[in-house]
Protein backbone atom coordinates (compact mmCIF):
# COMPACT_ATOMS: atom_id res chain seq x y z
CA UNK A 1 8.30 25.47 -22.57
CA UNK A 2 8.36 21.80 -23.51
CA UNK A 3 11.98 21.67 -22.28
CA UNK A 4 11.41 22.95 -18.78
CA UNK A 5 13.13 20.86 -16.09
CA UNK A 6 11.62 19.04 -12.85
CA UNK A 7 13.17 17.67 -9.94
CA UNK A 8 11.60 15.04 -8.29
CA UNK A 9 12.33 13.76 -4.38
CA UNK A 10 11.78 10.08 -3.94
CA UNK A 11 11.71 7.20 -6.12
CA UNK A 12 8.61 5.26 -4.55
CA UNK A 13 5.82 4.40 -7.01
CA UNK A 14 4.55 8.40 -6.92
CA UNK A 15 7.94 9.51 -7.67
CA UNK A 16 8.43 6.97 -10.35
CA UNK A 17 4.81 7.66 -11.99
CA UNK A 18 5.76 11.72 -11.94
CA UNK A 19 8.86 10.98 -13.68
CA UNK A 20 7.18 8.78 -16.52
CA UNK A 21 4.44 11.23 -16.98
CA UNK A 22 6.74 14.14 -16.92
CA UNK A 23 8.86 12.67 -19.60
CA UNK A 24 5.82 11.56 -21.55
CA UNK A 25 4.74 15.37 -21.75
CA UNK A 26 8.09 16.61 -22.72
CA UNK A 27 9.79 17.75 -19.39
CA UNK A 28 13.23 16.90 -18.17
CA UNK A 29 13.05 14.95 -15.18
CA UNK A 30 15.73 13.92 -12.34
CA UNK A 31 14.92 11.53 -9.76
CA UNK A 32 16.80 11.92 -6.36
CA UNK A 33 16.42 9.01 -4.12
CA UNK A 34 18.20 8.31 -0.62
CA UNK A 35 18.47 4.68 -1.24
CA UNK A 36 20.34 2.66 -3.64
CA UNK A 37 17.07 1.21 -5.43
CA UNK A 38 13.70 2.38 -6.56
CA UNK A 39 10.56 1.75 -5.07
CA UNK A 40 10.62 3.32 -1.53
CA UNK A 41 8.26 0.91 0.59
CA UNK A 42 7.31 -1.22 -2.47
CA UNK A 43 10.29 -3.13 -1.94
CA UNK A 44 11.77 -6.37 -1.73
CA UNK A 45 15.22 -7.80 -0.35
CA UNK A 46 17.33 -10.96 -0.23
CA UNK A 47 18.53 -13.11 2.66
CA UNK A 48 20.27 -16.47 2.31
CA UNK A 49 18.93 -17.10 -0.91
CA UNK A 50 15.03 -16.04 0.05
CA UNK A 51 13.47 -12.99 -1.18
CA UNK A 52 11.63 -10.97 1.33
CA UNK A 53 8.80 -9.18 0.10
CA UNK A 54 8.06 -5.62 1.92
CA UNK A 55 5.05 -4.47 0.22
CA UNK A 56 2.37 -5.88 -2.56
CA UNK A 57 -0.10 -8.19 -0.93
CA UNK A 58 -2.49 -7.71 -3.90
CA UNK A 59 -2.46 -5.04 -6.99
CA UNK A 60 -5.83 -3.47 -7.82
CA UNK A 61 -5.83 -2.86 -11.48
CA UNK A 62 -4.60 -6.16 -12.48
CA UNK A 63 -7.24 -6.91 -14.74
CA UNK A 64 -7.35 -5.77 -18.38
CA UNK A 65 -9.26 -2.86 -19.53
CA UNK A 66 -10.01 -1.21 -16.16
CA UNK A 67 -8.88 2.28 -15.48
CA UNK A 68 -5.99 1.22 -13.12
CA UNK A 69 -4.64 -1.01 -15.50
CA UNK A 70 -4.35 1.57 -18.11
CA UNK A 71 -2.45 3.51 -15.77
CA UNK A 72 -0.02 0.18 -14.99
CA UNK A 73 0.22 -0.07 -18.60
CA UNK A 74 1.11 3.23 -19.32
CA UNK A 75 3.98 2.92 -16.58
CA UNK A 76 5.01 -0.35 -17.62
CA UNK A 77 4.77 -1.97 -14.80
CA UNK A 78 2.88 -5.16 -15.38
CA UNK A 79 4.57 -5.68 -18.79
CA UNK A 80 5.22 -9.37 -19.13
CA UNK A 81 4.19 -10.41 -15.79
CA UNK A 82 2.25 -13.34 -14.45
CA UNK A 83 -0.89 -12.51 -12.33
CA UNK A 84 -1.80 -14.82 -9.60
CA UNK A 85 -5.55 -14.50 -8.04
CA UNK A 86 -6.13 -15.71 -4.70
CA UNK A 87 -9.34 -18.08 -4.09
CA UNK A 88 -8.91 -17.31 -0.58
CA UNK A 89 -8.30 -13.50 0.85
CA UNK A 90 -7.41 -15.22 4.11
CA UNK A 91 -8.68 -17.18 7.11
CA UNK A 92 -9.74 -16.37 10.83
CA UNK A 93 -9.33 -19.23 13.25
CA UNK A 94 -11.45 -18.80 16.35
CA UNK A 95 -10.39 -20.23 19.89
CA UNK A 96 -12.67 -22.97 19.38
CA UNK A 97 -10.85 -23.96 15.98
CA UNK A 98 -13.81 -22.63 13.95
CA UNK A 99 -12.59 -21.04 10.65
CA UNK A 100 -13.71 -17.93 8.62
CA UNK A 101 -12.47 -18.41 5.61
CA UNK A 102 -12.80 -15.21 3.22
CA UNK A 103 -13.21 -16.72 -0.39
CA UNK A 104 -12.75 -14.48 -3.22
CA UNK A 105 -15.72 -15.65 -5.01
CA UNK A 106 -18.75 -13.85 -3.78
CA UNK A 107 -21.16 -16.43 -3.97
CA UNK A 108 -18.85 -19.02 -2.29
CA UNK A 109 -18.28 -16.48 0.72
CA UNK A 110 -22.01 -15.91 1.22
CA UNK A 111 -22.52 -19.62 1.18
CA UNK A 112 -19.66 -20.34 3.48
CA UNK A 113 -21.13 -17.45 5.71
CA UNK A 114 -24.36 -18.93 5.92
CA UNK A 115 -23.04 -22.20 7.02
CA UNK A 116 -21.05 -20.57 9.75
CA UNK A 117 -24.26 -18.44 10.91
CA UNK A 118 -27.43 -19.29 9.51
CA UNK A 119 -29.29 -17.05 11.69
CA UNK A 120 -27.48 -14.21 10.03
CA UNK A 121 -28.65 -15.15 6.68
CA UNK A 122 -30.49 -11.55 6.24
CA UNK A 123 -27.23 -9.48 6.76
CA UNK A 124 -25.02 -12.10 4.85
CA UNK A 125 -27.34 -11.71 1.68
CA UNK A 126 -27.36 -8.10 1.95
CA UNK A 127 -23.69 -7.93 1.92
CA UNK A 128 -23.65 -10.30 -1.17
CA UNK A 129 -26.00 -8.15 -3.00
CA UNK A 130 -23.92 -4.95 -2.18
CA UNK A 131 -20.53 -7.15 -3.54
CA UNK A 132 -22.03 -7.99 -6.59
CA UNK A 133 -23.31 -4.29 -7.16
CA UNK A 134 -20.03 -2.99 -6.65
CA UNK A 135 -18.69 -5.30 -9.45
CA UNK A 136 -20.44 -2.89 -12.20
CA UNK A 137 -18.06 -0.19 -11.36
CA UNK A 138 -15.32 0.74 -13.99
CA UNK A 139 -16.82 -1.90 -16.59
CA UNK A 140 -15.40 -1.12 -20.01
CA UNK A 141 -18.23 0.22 -22.21
CA UNK A 142 -18.26 -0.12 -25.81
CA UNK A 143 -17.54 2.90 -27.96
CA UNK A 144 -20.74 4.77 -29.10
CA UNK A 145 -21.73 7.89 -30.56
CA UNK A 146 -24.62 10.18 -31.17
CA UNK A 147 -28.00 9.03 -29.61
CA UNK A 148 -26.61 5.50 -29.15
CA UNK A 149 -23.92 7.01 -26.53
CA UNK A 150 -26.43 9.09 -24.97
CA UNK A 151 -28.94 6.00 -23.84
CA UNK A 152 -25.66 4.00 -23.28
CA UNK A 153 -24.59 6.67 -20.67
CA UNK A 154 -28.13 6.72 -19.13
CA UNK A 155 -28.67 2.93 -19.12
CA UNK A 156 -25.24 2.77 -17.69
CA UNK A 157 -25.70 5.33 -14.91
CA UNK A 158 -28.93 3.48 -13.71
CA UNK A 159 -27.16 0.04 -13.93
CA UNK A 160 -24.37 1.20 -11.19
CA UNK A 161 -26.77 3.38 -9.24
CA UNK A 162 -26.84 0.63 -6.62
CA UNK A 163 -23.03 0.62 -6.29
CA UNK A 164 -23.01 4.41 -6.31
CA UNK A 165 -25.52 4.14 -3.19
CA UNK A 166 -23.25 1.82 -1.56
CA UNK A 167 -20.22 3.87 -2.04
CA UNK A 168 -22.08 6.62 -0.08
CA UNK A 169 -23.81 4.56 2.63
CA UNK A 170 -20.86 2.39 3.42
CA UNK A 171 -17.99 5.07 3.20
CA UNK A 172 -19.79 6.30 6.47
CA UNK A 173 -19.88 3.06 8.37
CA UNK A 174 -16.76 1.34 10.32
CA UNK A 175 -16.05 -2.47 9.85
CA UNK A 176 -16.32 -2.37 13.49
CA UNK A 177 -19.87 -0.93 13.86
CA UNK A 178 -20.91 -3.11 10.98
CA UNK A 179 -19.43 -6.37 12.43
CA UNK A 180 -21.71 -5.52 15.62
CA UNK A 181 -24.96 -6.38 13.40
CA UNK A 182 -23.98 -10.19 13.24
CA UNK A 183 -25.74 -12.26 15.90
CA UNK A 184 -23.26 -15.14 15.93
CA UNK A 185 -20.17 -14.12 18.17
CA UNK A 186 -17.64 -15.69 16.18
CA UNK A 187 -18.38 -13.41 13.09
CA UNK A 188 -18.57 -10.37 15.23
CA UNK A 189 -15.19 -11.17 16.33
CA UNK A 190 -13.58 -12.53 12.88
CA UNK A 191 -15.02 -9.90 10.50
CA UNK A 192 -12.98 -6.81 11.55
CA UNK A 193 -9.96 -8.49 12.76
CA UNK A 194 -9.13 -10.38 9.42
CA UNK A 195 -8.89 -6.95 7.70
CA UNK A 196 -7.39 -4.17 9.45
CA UNK A 197 -8.67 -4.01 12.93
CA UNK A 198 -8.27 -0.36 13.16
CA UNK A 199 -10.97 1.97 14.89
CA UNK A 200 -13.35 3.71 12.53
CA UNK A 201 -11.99 1.79 9.42
CA UNK A 202 -14.25 2.05 6.35
CA UNK A 203 -15.99 -0.79 5.73
CA UNK A 204 -16.32 0.43 2.06
CA UNK A 205 -12.38 -0.16 1.63
CA UNK A 206 -13.44 -4.04 2.62
CA UNK A 207 -16.31 -4.25 0.40
CA UNK A 208 -14.41 -2.93 -2.77
CA UNK A 209 -11.30 -5.43 -2.23
CA UNK A 210 -13.53 -8.34 -2.14
CA UNK A 211 -15.47 -7.00 -5.12
CA UNK A 212 -12.01 -6.46 -7.24
CA UNK A 213 -11.00 -9.64 -5.84
CA UNK A 214 -14.02 -11.46 -7.43
CA UNK A 215 -13.23 -9.93 -10.50
CA UNK A 216 -9.69 -10.69 -10.55
CA UNK A 217 -8.96 -7.29 -10.45
CA UNK A 218 -6.76 -7.44 -7.35
CA UNK A 219 -4.20 -10.02 -8.28
CA UNK A 220 -0.40 -10.60 -7.00
CA UNK A 221 2.26 -10.05 -9.58
CA UNK A 222 4.62 -12.74 -9.41
CA UNK A 223 8.18 -11.38 -8.71
CA UNK A 224 6.95 -9.19 -6.01
CA UNK A 225 7.58 -5.65 -4.86
CA UNK A 226 10.88 -4.72 -6.16
CA UNK A 227 10.68 -6.13 -9.68
CA UNK A 228 7.45 -4.13 -9.86
CA UNK A 229 9.29 -1.00 -9.05
CA UNK A 230 12.19 -1.80 -11.30
CA UNK A 231 9.62 -2.33 -14.17
CA UNK A 232 8.66 1.37 -13.75
CA UNK A 233 12.25 2.36 -13.53
CA UNK A 234 12.73 0.76 -16.79
CA UNK A 235 10.27 2.63 -18.15
CA UNK A 236 11.05 5.79 -16.74
CA UNK A 237 14.68 5.47 -18.36
CA UNK A 238 13.80 4.37 -21.44
CA UNK A 239 12.39 7.73 -22.07
CA UNK A 240 15.44 9.59 -21.18
CA UNK A 241 14.59 10.05 -17.34
CA UNK A 242 17.43 10.46 -15.22
CA UNK A 243 17.86 8.65 -11.54
CA UNK A 244 20.26 9.79 -8.64
CA UNK A 245 20.48 7.25 -6.01
CA UNK A 246 22.21 7.62 -2.61
CA UNK A 247 21.27 11.36 -2.99
CA UNK A 248 19.11 12.24 0.03
CA UNK A 249 17.69 15.61 -0.14
CA UNK A 250 18.08 17.87 2.78
CA UNK A 251 16.60 21.35 1.89
CA UNK A 252 14.13 22.26 -0.84
CA UNK A 253 15.73 25.83 -2.11
CA UNK A 254 13.40 28.61 -2.43
CA UNK A 255 13.83 31.94 -3.74
CA UNK A 256 11.32 34.63 -3.42
CA UNK A 257 8.83 32.00 -2.30
CA UNK A 258 9.64 29.77 -5.48
CA UNK A 259 10.79 26.52 -5.52
CA UNK A 260 14.17 26.65 -7.65
CA UNK A 261 16.15 23.14 -6.92
CA UNK A 262 17.23 21.08 -4.09
CA UNK A 263 20.35 20.74 -1.66
CA UNK A 264 21.49 17.23 -0.71
CA UNK A 265 23.10 16.06 2.52
CA UNK A 266 26.51 16.04 1.22
CA UNK A 267 26.30 19.82 0.20
CA UNK A 268 25.52 19.51 -3.55
CA UNK A 269 22.74 21.85 -5.12
CA UNK A 270 20.62 21.03 -8.20
CA UNK A 271 18.17 23.59 -9.82
CA UNK A 272 15.02 23.09 -11.78
CA UNK A 273 11.96 24.88 -12.99
CA UNK A 274 9.55 22.84 -10.69
CA UNK A 275 10.30 20.65 -7.68
CA UNK A 276 8.06 17.59 -6.85
CA UNK A 277 8.34 16.04 -3.42
CA UNK A 278 6.94 12.57 -3.49
CA UNK A 279 9.00 11.83 -0.12
CA UNK A 280 7.71 11.82 3.33
CA UNK A 281 5.20 14.25 3.81
CA UNK A 282 6.47 15.33 7.38
CA UNK A 283 10.13 15.85 6.45
CA UNK A 284 9.31 17.63 3.23
CA UNK A 285 7.13 20.20 5.05
CA UNK A 286 8.66 20.68 8.38
CA UNK A 287 12.33 19.71 7.64
CA UNK A 288 13.03 20.31 3.88
CA UNK A 289 10.90 23.66 4.13
CA UNK A 290 11.14 24.35 7.59
CA UNK A 291 7.66 24.35 8.25
CA UNK A 292 7.36 27.76 6.37
CA UNK A 293 4.61 27.09 4.08
CA UNK A 294 1.55 25.68 6.12
CA UNK A 295 -1.73 26.86 6.87
CA UNK A 296 -4.11 25.70 9.88
CA UNK A 297 -5.63 23.08 7.47
CA UNK A 298 -2.16 21.36 6.92
CA UNK A 299 -1.15 21.60 10.36
CA UNK A 300 -4.48 20.07 11.39
CA UNK A 301 -3.75 16.98 9.20
CA UNK A 302 -0.46 16.43 11.03
CA UNK A 303 -1.80 17.26 14.53
CA UNK A 304 -5.14 15.35 14.14
CA UNK A 305 -4.68 12.43 11.36
CA UNK A 306 -3.14 9.07 12.65
CA UNK A 307 -0.63 7.59 10.30
CA UNK A 308 -0.67 3.67 9.68
CA UNK A 309 0.38 2.03 12.83
CA UNK A 310 4.20 0.80 12.62
CA UNK A 311 5.07 -2.83 12.07
CA UNK A 312 7.48 -5.25 13.22
CA UNK A 313 7.99 -7.66 10.48
CA UNK A 314 9.60 -10.78 10.73
CA UNK A 315 10.16 -12.91 8.00
CA UNK A 316 11.38 -16.76 7.82
CA UNK A 317 12.85 -18.84 5.24
CA UNK A 318 11.92 -22.41 5.74
CA UNK A 319 13.05 -25.56 4.10
CA UNK A 320 9.35 -27.00 3.75
CA UNK A 321 6.99 -26.51 0.93
CA UNK A 322 3.74 -24.92 2.45
CA UNK A 323 1.81 -24.60 -0.68
CA UNK A 324 -0.85 -26.78 0.22
CA UNK A 325 -1.63 -24.71 3.30
CA UNK A 326 -3.76 -21.66 3.39
CA UNK A 327 -1.70 -18.50 2.40
CA UNK A 328 -3.00 -16.06 5.01
CA UNK A 329 -4.03 -17.22 8.48
CA UNK A 330 -5.00 -15.31 11.58
CA UNK A 331 -4.88 -17.55 14.63
CA UNK A 332 -5.29 -17.16 18.55
CA UNK A 333 -2.38 -17.66 21.02
CA UNK A 334 -2.89 -19.82 23.98
CA UNK A 335 -0.70 -17.26 26.15
CA UNK A 336 -0.45 -13.62 24.86
CA UNK A 337 3.12 -12.66 23.27
CA UNK A 338 4.59 -9.62 24.62
CA UNK A 339 6.58 -7.27 22.40
CA UNK A 340 7.69 -3.80 22.97
CA UNK A 341 5.41 -4.07 26.11
CA UNK A 342 2.49 -4.64 24.09
CA UNK A 343 0.33 -7.89 24.40
CA UNK A 344 -0.39 -9.78 21.19
CA UNK A 345 -3.16 -12.54 21.83
CA UNK A 346 -3.20 -13.48 18.13
CA UNK A 347 -0.67 -13.83 15.31
CA UNK A 348 -1.07 -13.60 11.38
CA UNK A 349 1.17 -15.02 8.79
CA UNK A 350 1.29 -15.19 5.27
CA UNK A 351 3.24 -17.49 3.28
CA UNK A 352 4.50 -16.58 -0.41
CA UNK A 353 4.47 -20.13 -2.16
CA UNK A 354 2.45 -18.59 -4.78
CA UNK A 355 5.31 -16.81 -6.32
CA UNK A 356 8.27 -19.29 -7.00
CA UNK A 357 10.61 -16.56 -7.42
CA UNK A 358 11.02 -15.50 -3.84
CA UNK A 359 12.03 -18.97 -2.32
CA UNK A 360 14.01 -22.26 -3.84
CA UNK A 361 12.22 -25.09 -4.86
CA UNK A 362 10.40 -27.03 -2.15
CA UNK A 363 10.76 -24.16 0.33
CA UNK A 364 8.85 -21.15 1.75
CA UNK A 365 8.72 -17.51 2.64
CA UNK A 366 6.97 -17.05 5.77
CA UNK A 367 6.04 -13.39 6.84
CA UNK A 368 4.64 -12.12 10.30
CA UNK A 369 3.31 -8.62 10.81
CA UNK A 370 2.69 -7.13 13.96
CA UNK A 371 1.58 -3.66 15.08
CA UNK A 372 4.16 -2.23 17.58
CA UNK A 373 5.34 1.28 19.36
CA UNK A 374 7.44 3.25 17.39
CA UNK A 375 8.95 5.09 20.77
CA UNK A 376 9.97 1.72 21.95
CA UNK A 377 12.23 0.90 19.03
CA UNK A 378 13.33 4.41 18.44
CA UNK A 379 14.43 4.68 21.79
CA UNK A 380 16.37 1.26 21.72
CA UNK A 381 18.00 1.77 18.55
CA UNK A 382 19.26 5.71 19.39
CA UNK A 383 21.80 4.99 21.86
CA UNK A 384 24.77 3.13 20.40
CA UNK A 385 25.43 1.51 24.15
CA UNK A 386 22.03 0.12 23.81
CA UNK A 387 22.30 -0.98 20.34
CA UNK A 388 23.09 -4.55 21.19
CA UNK A 389 19.82 -4.40 23.09
CA UNK A 390 18.11 -3.58 20.11
CA UNK A 391 19.36 -6.75 18.14
CA UNK A 392 18.89 -8.96 21.18
CA UNK A 393 15.33 -7.71 21.16
CA UNK A 394 14.83 -8.58 17.64
CA UNK A 395 16.22 -11.99 17.97
CA UNK A 396 14.04 -12.48 20.88
CA UNK A 397 10.82 -11.51 18.80
CA UNK A 398 11.87 -14.03 16.06
CA UNK A 399 12.27 -16.84 18.44
CA UNK A 400 9.12 -16.05 20.16
CA UNK A 401 7.13 -15.85 16.72
CA UNK A 402 8.93 -19.15 15.48
CA UNK A 403 7.67 -21.12 18.69
CA UNK A 404 4.00 -19.83 17.81
CA UNK A 405 4.53 -20.80 14.16
CA UNK A 406 5.33 -24.45 15.82
CA UNK A 407 2.09 -24.70 16.77
CA UNK A 408 0.79 -24.44 13.54
CA UNK A 409 3.33 -26.72 11.72
CA UNK A 410 4.78 -29.09 14.24
CA UNK A 411 8.50 -29.47 13.66
CA UNK A 412 9.08 -26.34 11.57
CA UNK A 413 11.61 -24.67 13.90
CA UNK A 414 14.40 -27.13 12.80
CA UNK A 415 13.32 -26.07 9.19
CA UNK A 416 13.78 -22.53 9.69
CA UNK A 417 16.89 -21.50 7.33
CA UNK A 418 16.71 -17.42 7.58
CA UNK A 419 15.34 -14.96 9.73
CA UNK A 420 14.91 -11.24 9.19
CA UNK A 421 13.22 -9.00 11.50
CA UNK A 422 12.26 -5.41 10.40
CA UNK A 423 11.21 -2.76 12.97
CA UNK A 424 9.76 0.67 12.64
CA UNK A 425 13.38 2.03 12.61
CA UNK A 426 13.86 -0.02 9.61
CA UNK A 427 11.10 1.43 7.74
CA UNK A 428 12.34 4.65 8.62
CA UNK A 429 15.88 4.25 7.99
CA UNK A 430 15.31 3.22 4.24
CA UNK A 431 12.80 5.23 3.46
CA UNK A 432 12.36 8.09 5.84
CA UNK A 433 8.89 7.55 6.34
CA UNK A 434 7.56 9.34 9.30
CA UNK A 435 7.27 7.35 12.63
CA UNK A 436 7.90 4.47 10.40
CA UNK A 437 4.74 4.21 9.01
CA UNK A 438 4.23 1.72 6.19
CA UNK A 439 1.33 3.56 4.27
CA UNK A 440 0.91 7.21 5.17
CA UNK A 441 -2.43 8.28 6.86
CA UNK A 442 -4.69 5.80 8.37
CA UNK A 443 -7.84 5.63 6.40
CA UNK A 444 -11.33 6.46 8.61
CA UNK A 445 -14.79 7.01 7.76
CA UNK A 446 -13.83 10.75 8.69
CA UNK A 447 -11.11 11.58 6.60
CA UNK A 448 -11.84 9.11 3.55
CA UNK A 449 -13.25 11.84 1.34
CA UNK A 450 -10.56 14.28 2.28
CA UNK A 451 -9.16 16.01 -0.57
CA UNK A 452 -5.56 16.80 0.20
CA UNK A 453 -3.91 19.60 -1.66
CA UNK A 454 -0.85 19.16 -3.87
CA UNK A 455 0.62 22.32 -3.49
CA UNK A 456 1.47 24.67 -0.54
CA UNK A 457 0.12 28.06 0.49
CA UNK A 458 2.62 30.81 -0.57
CA UNK A 459 5.24 28.56 -2.43
CA UNK A 460 4.94 28.52 -6.26
CA UNK A 461 6.61 25.81 -8.69
CA UNK A 462 6.11 23.08 -6.11
CA UNK A 463 3.81 20.12 -5.85
CA UNK A 464 3.72 16.99 -3.55
CA UNK A 465 2.65 13.80 -4.48
CA UNK A 466 2.22 10.31 -2.78
CA UNK A 467 0.55 8.64 0.16
CA UNK A 468 0.84 11.70 2.35
CA UNK A 469 -1.90 13.66 0.02
CA UNK A 470 -4.04 10.44 -0.27
CA UNK A 471 -5.34 9.05 3.28
CA UNK A 472 -5.56 5.38 2.88
CA UNK A 473 -2.07 5.05 0.73
CA UNK A 474 -1.41 1.91 -1.22
CA UNK A 475 0.17 1.69 -4.75
CA UNK A 476 -2.80 2.89 -7.04
CA UNK A 477 -3.39 6.31 -5.22
CA UNK A 478 0.25 6.71 -5.19
CA UNK A 479 0.50 6.22 -9.23
CA UNK A 480 -2.51 8.13 -9.50
CA UNK A 481 -0.98 11.01 -7.41
CA UNK A 482 2.25 11.26 -9.63
CA UNK A 483 -0.27 11.45 -12.93
CA UNK A 484 -2.29 13.85 -11.21
CA UNK A 485 0.45 16.35 -10.43
CA UNK A 486 1.93 16.31 -13.97
CA UNK A 487 -1.56 16.92 -15.27
CA UNK A 488 -1.83 19.95 -12.96
CA UNK A 489 1.72 21.17 -14.28
CA UNK A 490 0.65 20.96 -17.93
CA UNK A 491 -2.48 22.79 -16.97
CA UNK A 492 -0.51 25.72 -15.38
CA UNK A 493 1.55 25.46 -18.68
CA UNK A 494 -1.48 25.64 -20.72
CA UNK A 495 -0.17 22.54 -22.13
CA UNK A 496 -2.13 19.19 -23.51
CA UNK A 497 -1.72 16.46 -20.98
CA UNK A 498 -0.69 13.30 -22.73
CA UNK A 499 -0.04 9.81 -21.65
CA UNK A 500 0.59 6.58 -23.47
CA UNK A 501 1.76 2.81 -23.31
CA UNK A 502 4.96 1.89 -24.34
CA UNK A 503 5.06 0.24 -27.88
């Protein structure tokens, strides 16, 4: 039983996690990845001496003795890494020059909001209390036994009760609806837009993020996303796991409604006792399995749920040190910027001067992320005769963005040494993510509590892991998903699940 084999499709964080936990529990494991490196969407790439980070903004679980830290520890993800904890989440600049600074220290944030809008004291104080209550979640408790343990459990429950009530209440409240409670027009505009300005986005996600940052539990691992993924890959390989890169899976082999292996695009077939897909959900279900193993619920997900909006990313390497400026700023434009037929009246940028490994000394990486239309870029890139137009459009977008950065940093245009533009088609080409989405299903107040199945109806010996079975996506849910699948396999096999950190 311990020598059973598992094939895992996709070397993103979910696939790497599943591979690590498979090895911890004695399963032979092979990961097939279409790219030539691990990480999937959790990646970085180099251009002209600069490193462009494509994923991690902050990582929940960066603080010792938390539940998620234990998972990262088991995966070897943070071994030897320096963590940077932000003083600010970001800044929103109004048309009149006013700035809403989202400090990561709760008390400082509340004080700043009071100064911005004294008339909103009641709602600001209430938000501060909620944020402080959420810091009580996932606090390590001393090991106790017998009656002492019982009393610790009871007192612990009442201690976190306000946080539990907040979880229930604010999971049903959207950021947009909450922002309407502010009397100050500037806060009403700034509050939702500085985060993810998407309809029905749950306020709870914002509150939890600020709570984690206050506790220094949502920092940034120096080295960036690819280095993070490489660390997990090393953990997997050190336990005897096998990686096969440049190996795109075309078909999941099924016999008698039982997954038995995979066929690659080059025609080669590989067999195993169990198959796990940690790849794109849509291509797994509707292409690799021909849509044969679905029910109304699964069809409903892909019909009614919305993926995270596709992005165009403009990355700049500039020969200027921006470390003494705010690292994340959302600012207004004098004239709308038209990209793919879509008007942008604001831009947001992030520089990575807090990570000295990403740029040469005295220089900076600056990244802009803009929501865009998948169909526009897909059509533009699909026709070889129009590929020049696709490249020209990317160049035009970069030029327009640089011109806007000039308004923030006069003279910076001449300092631009590197330009890189990634469109939704880029994401799709390198990760096969459906419609170029960067994070799976867009989280809403309606799907926040949805528990998607990790198995498909009528198909045995097959499991799914990753962001397409977890609305909201992100690295922690992906890692947890990989662990969850191996736990389920062990349970089915009547085997005790084990996990451990590297010695």
